[in-house]
Amino acid sequence: MENRKTTYVLVHGAWHGSWCWKSVRAALQSAGHNVFTPTLTGLGERSHLNSAAINLSMHIADIVNLIQWEELSDVVLCGHSYAGCVIAGVADQIPDRIRALVFLDAFVLENGESLMDILPPEVPQAVREFARTTGEGWKLNPIPAELFGVRDPHDAAWVDAQCTPQAIATFEERIKLAGNPGDIQDIAYVFPAECHPNLLISHERAKAKGWKMRTIDNSAHELMITHPRELAECLLEYAPPE
């Protein structure tokens, strides 16, 4: 019998964890597909490992190792927000394992850039000061979910309770790309109707690169929380027809 399952690896953004994909994961699994939602080192249920030493390279290694040790191939790799940096690094290292990349309202880095480098000019200094005054200088506490468009009070309270601090080094380390993601032809950028100003540069870069552009109506940044059904439908477009 032909294997009609698609393998999805969904990578969460800053301060989040595997937990944020619950609804999307359930929808994809109920459609018969393989779904992996790893938690990056130092976050969520792995927050006991949090330290100043955790950087972007470690988070890239988290996902590369998952794909290698689970022996995954033909992967649809999706990264939300900060995880745009992570999936770019993963695709650069193991492009032969990746069928498609989905940047979910995610940051788009060029070689030698950090996430801090592409934020609006006034933001990095404020972020570093926030880490100094509230995070012992090495970690950033989560931003309230309401600021990212989670307007349902119950959902916002849940997200705020689940989010954990993240090492600032993950935002400051500059990515090293050899250019291999160019071997992956199927790259899409999914963005919400309500654009966060910190992501304007990434939106423009995605358009300039000629990636497939997809908008989810009446949505904001936390799409997997506020619009899981619509997001799952978008991801299911990568699955073979019944």
Protein backbone atom coordinates (compact mmCIF):
# COMPACT_ATOMS: atom_id res chain seq x y z
CA MET A 1 0.00 0.00 0.00
CA GLU A 2 1.28 3.45 -0.89
CA ASN A 3 2.36 5.50 2.13
CA ARG A 4 0.23 8.63 1.98
CA LYS A 5 1.45 10.05 5.28
CA THR A 6 3.23 13.37 5.36
CA THR A 7 5.86 14.08 8.03
CA TYR A 8 5.57 17.47 9.69
CA VAL A 9 8.10 19.02 12.06
CA LEU A 10 6.62 22.12 13.72
CA VAL A 11 9.05 24.39 15.56
CA HIS A 12 7.73 26.89 18.10
CA GLY A 13 8.84 30.49 18.53
CA ALA A 14 10.47 32.37 21.39
CA TRP A 15 9.36 31.57 24.96
CA HIS A 16 6.97 28.83 23.74
CA GLY A 17 7.23 25.04 23.65
CA SER A 18 5.68 21.96 22.12
CA TRP A 19 2.48 22.81 24.00
CA CYS A 20 1.54 25.67 21.65
CA TRP A 21 0.97 23.25 18.74
CA LYS A 22 -1.58 21.05 20.58
CA SER A 23 -4.58 21.91 18.42
CA VAL A 24 -2.68 21.99 15.12
CA ARG A 25 -0.90 18.73 15.96
CA ALA A 26 -4.18 17.01 16.78
CA ALA A 27 -5.71 18.14 13.49
CA LEU A 28 -2.77 16.88 11.43
CA GLN A 29 -2.59 13.60 13.32
CA SER A 30 -6.34 13.01 12.95
CA ALA A 31 -5.81 13.36 9.20
CA GLY A 32 -3.34 10.47 9.43
CA HIS A 33 0.02 12.22 9.32
CA ASN A 34 3.24 12.04 11.34
CA VAL A 35 3.73 15.16 13.45
CA PHE A 36 6.72 16.13 15.58
CA THR A 37 6.59 19.23 17.80
CA PRO A 38 9.95 19.37 19.59
CA THR A 39 10.62 21.80 22.41
CA LEU A 40 13.85 23.75 22.02
CA THR A 41 16.47 23.47 24.77
CA GLY A 42 15.78 25.67 27.79
CA LEU A 43 12.08 26.22 27.11
CA GLY A 44 8.77 24.64 28.11
CA GLU A 45 9.23 21.23 29.71
CA ARG A 46 12.97 21.65 29.09
CA SER A 47 13.16 24.96 30.97
CA HIS A 48 15.20 23.28 33.72
CA LEU A 49 18.06 23.29 31.18
CA ASN A 50 17.91 27.03 30.59
CA SER A 51 21.26 28.84 30.84
CA ALA A 52 23.26 31.70 29.37
CA ALA A 53 25.07 29.18 27.14
CA ILE A 54 22.01 28.38 25.02
CA ASN A 55 22.21 30.00 21.60
CA LEU A 56 20.77 29.73 18.11
CA SER A 57 23.25 27.04 17.10
CA MET A 58 22.01 24.82 19.93
CA HIS A 59 18.41 25.25 18.83
CA ILE A 60 19.33 24.44 15.24
CA ALA A 61 21.09 21.31 16.52
CA ASP A 62 17.94 20.33 18.47
CA ILE A 63 15.97 20.06 15.22
CA VAL A 64 18.76 18.60 13.07
CA ASN A 65 19.27 15.86 15.66
CA LEU A 66 15.55 15.13 15.90
CA ILE A 67 15.33 14.66 12.14
CA GLN A 68 18.47 12.52 12.02
CA TRP A 69 17.75 10.27 15.02
CA GLU A 70 14.08 9.80 14.12
CA GLU A 71 15.30 8.97 10.59
CA LEU A 72 12.94 11.46 9.02
CA SER A 73 12.95 12.43 5.37
CA ASP A 74 10.71 14.34 2.97
CA VAL A 75 9.90 16.64 5.90
CA VAL A 76 7.56 19.63 5.83
CA LEU A 77 9.44 21.88 8.25
CA CYS A 78 7.46 24.77 9.74
CA GLY A 79 8.86 27.45 12.05
CA HIS A 80 6.95 30.18 13.87
CA SER A 81 8.41 33.64 14.62
CA TYR A 82 11.92 33.18 16.13
CA ALA A 83 11.95 29.66 14.71
CA GLY A 84 12.34 31.12 11.22
CA CYS A 85 15.99 31.52 12.25
CA VAL A 86 16.07 27.90 13.44
CA ILE A 87 14.53 26.27 10.36
CA ALA A 88 16.79 28.28 8.04
CA GLY A 89 19.79 26.81 9.83
CA VAL A 90 18.33 23.30 9.76
CA ALA A 91 17.58 23.48 6.04
CA ASP A 92 21.10 24.75 5.39
CA GLN A 93 22.63 21.73 7.13
CA ILE A 94 20.36 18.92 5.93
CA PRO A 95 18.52 20.14 2.80
CA ASP A 96 18.25 16.56 1.51
CA ARG A 97 15.86 15.73 4.39
CA ILE A 98 13.50 18.67 3.75
CA ARG A 99 10.70 18.69 1.15
CA ALA A 100 9.19 22.06 2.04
CA LEU A 101 9.82 25.00 4.34
CA VAL A 102 6.99 27.00 5.89
CA PHE A 103 7.87 30.28 7.60
CA LEU A 104 4.93 31.04 9.88
CA ASP A 105 5.03 34.80 10.48
CA ALA A 106 8.71 34.15 11.05
CA PHE A 107 11.98 36.05 10.95
CA VAL A 108 14.00 35.69 7.75
CA LEU A 109 17.75 36.03 8.23
CA GLU A 110 20.52 36.43 5.69
CA ASN A 111 23.93 34.87 6.26
CA GLY A 112 25.79 36.62 9.09
CA GLU A 113 22.71 38.22 10.66
CA SER A 114 21.12 37.74 14.05
CA LEU A 115 17.48 38.30 14.91
CA MET A 116 18.53 41.46 16.76
CA ASP A 117 20.05 42.81 13.54
CA ILE A 118 16.72 42.91 11.71
CA LEU A 119 14.55 44.37 14.45
CA PRO A 120 13.53 48.04 14.21
CA PRO A 121 16.55 50.14 15.31
CA GLU A 122 15.11 51.17 18.68
CA VAL A 123 14.21 47.64 19.78
CA PRO A 124 17.56 45.85 20.45
CA GLN A 125 18.74 48.38 23.04
CA ALA A 126 15.40 48.16 24.86
CA VAL A 127 15.49 44.35 24.73
CA ARG A 128 19.02 44.21 26.18
CA GLU A 129 18.06 46.63 28.94
CA PHE A 130 15.01 44.49 29.71
CA ALA A 131 17.26 41.44 30.02
CA ARG A 132 19.64 43.35 32.28
CA THR A 133 16.96 44.58 34.65
CA THR A 134 14.61 41.60 34.76
CA GLY A 135 16.56 38.59 33.50
CA GLU A 136 19.92 38.66 35.27
CA GLY A 137 21.45 39.98 32.06
CA TRP A 138 21.24 36.69 30.15
CA LYS A 139 17.57 35.88 29.68
CA LEU A 140 14.45 37.55 28.37
CA ASN A 141 11.14 37.12 30.12
CA PRO A 142 8.11 36.42 27.90
CA ILE A 143 6.11 39.18 26.27
CA PRO A 144 2.39 39.08 27.22
CA ALA A 145 0.32 37.11 24.72
CA GLU A 146 -2.13 39.98 24.34
CA LEU A 147 0.61 42.04 22.64
CA PHE A 148 0.83 39.34 19.96
CA GLY A 149 -2.87 39.38 19.21
CA VAL A 150 -4.22 36.71 21.57
CA ARG A 151 -7.39 38.55 22.54
CA ASP A 152 -9.42 35.76 24.10
CA PRO A 153 -8.78 36.19 27.87
CA HIS A 154 -8.74 32.43 28.50
CA ASP A 155 -6.24 31.76 25.70
CA ALA A 156 -4.07 34.71 26.72
CA ALA A 157 -3.94 33.54 30.35
CA TRP A 158 -3.00 30.02 29.19
CA VAL A 159 -0.21 31.24 26.91
CA ASP A 160 1.18 33.57 29.58
CA ALA A 161 1.21 30.73 32.11
CA GLN A 162 2.97 28.35 29.71
CA CYS A 163 5.67 30.66 28.33
CA THR A 164 9.14 30.58 29.93
CA PRO A 165 12.21 32.86 29.79
CA GLN A 166 14.67 32.45 26.90
CA ALA A 167 18.42 33.04 26.73
CA ILE A 168 19.22 36.32 24.97
CA ALA A 169 22.12 34.62 23.16
CA THR A 170 19.55 32.90 20.93
CA PHE A 171 18.59 36.32 19.58
CA GLU A 172 22.14 37.68 19.39
CA GLU A 173 24.06 34.87 17.70
CA ARG A 174 24.63 35.50 13.99
CA ILE A 175 23.58 32.66 11.72
CA LYS A 176 26.07 30.95 9.42
CA LEU A 177 24.48 29.80 6.16
CA ALA A 178 26.28 28.06 3.32
CA GLY A 179 23.39 28.67 0.95
CA ASN A 180 21.98 25.15 0.83
CA PRO A 181 18.30 26.10 1.39
CA GLY A 182 18.40 27.22 -2.23
CA ASP A 183 18.19 23.52 -3.04
CA ILE A 184 14.71 23.45 -1.48
CA GLN A 185 12.27 24.71 -4.08
CA ASP A 186 9.05 24.66 -2.05
CA ILE A 187 9.25 27.56 0.39
CA ALA A 188 6.19 29.40 1.68
CA TYR A 189 5.61 32.33 4.00
CA VAL A 190 2.34 32.35 5.93
CA PHE A 191 1.49 35.66 7.53
CA PRO A 192 -1.45 37.04 9.49
CA ALA A 193 -3.76 39.82 8.42
CA GLU A 194 -2.41 41.93 11.29
CA CYS A 195 1.31 42.50 10.79
CA HIS A 196 3.58 43.02 13.80
CA PRO A 197 6.07 45.85 13.08
CA ASN A 198 9.03 43.71 14.16
CA LEU A 199 8.34 41.37 11.23
CA LEU A 200 7.90 43.88 8.41
CA ILE A 201 11.43 43.35 7.12
CA SER A 202 10.93 39.58 7.06
CA HIS A 203 7.64 39.92 5.19
CA GLU A 204 9.32 42.06 2.54
CA ARG A 205 12.25 39.66 2.25
CA ALA A 206 9.94 36.70 1.71
CA LYS A 207 8.14 38.54 -1.07
CA ALA A 208 11.41 39.62 -2.69
CA LYS A 209 12.68 36.03 -2.66
CA GLY A 210 9.64 34.92 -4.62
CA TRP A 211 8.40 32.54 -1.95
CA LYS A 212 4.77 31.48 -1.98
CA MET A 213 2.79 33.96 0.10
CA ARG A 214 -0.28 32.95 2.07
CA THR A 215 -2.46 35.10 4.34
CA ILE A 216 -4.80 33.80 7.04
CA ASP A 217 -7.67 36.24 7.38
CA ASN A 218 -8.62 38.04 10.61
CA SER A 219 -5.52 36.79 12.39
CA ALA A 220 -2.48 38.07 14.29
CA HIS A 221 0.92 36.68 15.24
CA GLU A 222 -0.06 33.66 17.38
CA LEU A 223 -1.77 31.79 14.55
CA MET A 224 -1.37 28.32 16.06
CA ILE A 225 -3.26 29.52 19.16
CA THR A 226 -5.95 31.71 17.62
CA HIS A 227 -6.48 30.03 14.22
CA PRO A 228 -5.41 26.37 14.55
CA ARG A 229 -8.01 25.05 12.13
CA GLU A 230 -7.06 27.48 9.37
CA LEU A 231 -3.36 26.83 9.94
CA ALA A 232 -3.86 23.06 9.86
CA GLU A 233 -5.76 23.40 6.59
CA CYS A 234 -2.87 25.39 5.18
CA LEU A 235 -0.35 22.73 6.24
CA LEU A 236 -2.54 19.92 4.90
CA GLU A 237 -2.05 21.34 1.43
CA TYR A 238 1.36 19.66 1.57
CA ALA A 239 -0.22 16.23 2.06
CA PRO A 240 -1.04 14.02 -0.94
CA PRO A 241 -4.70 13.94 -1.97
CA GLU A 242 -6.85 11.15 -0.60
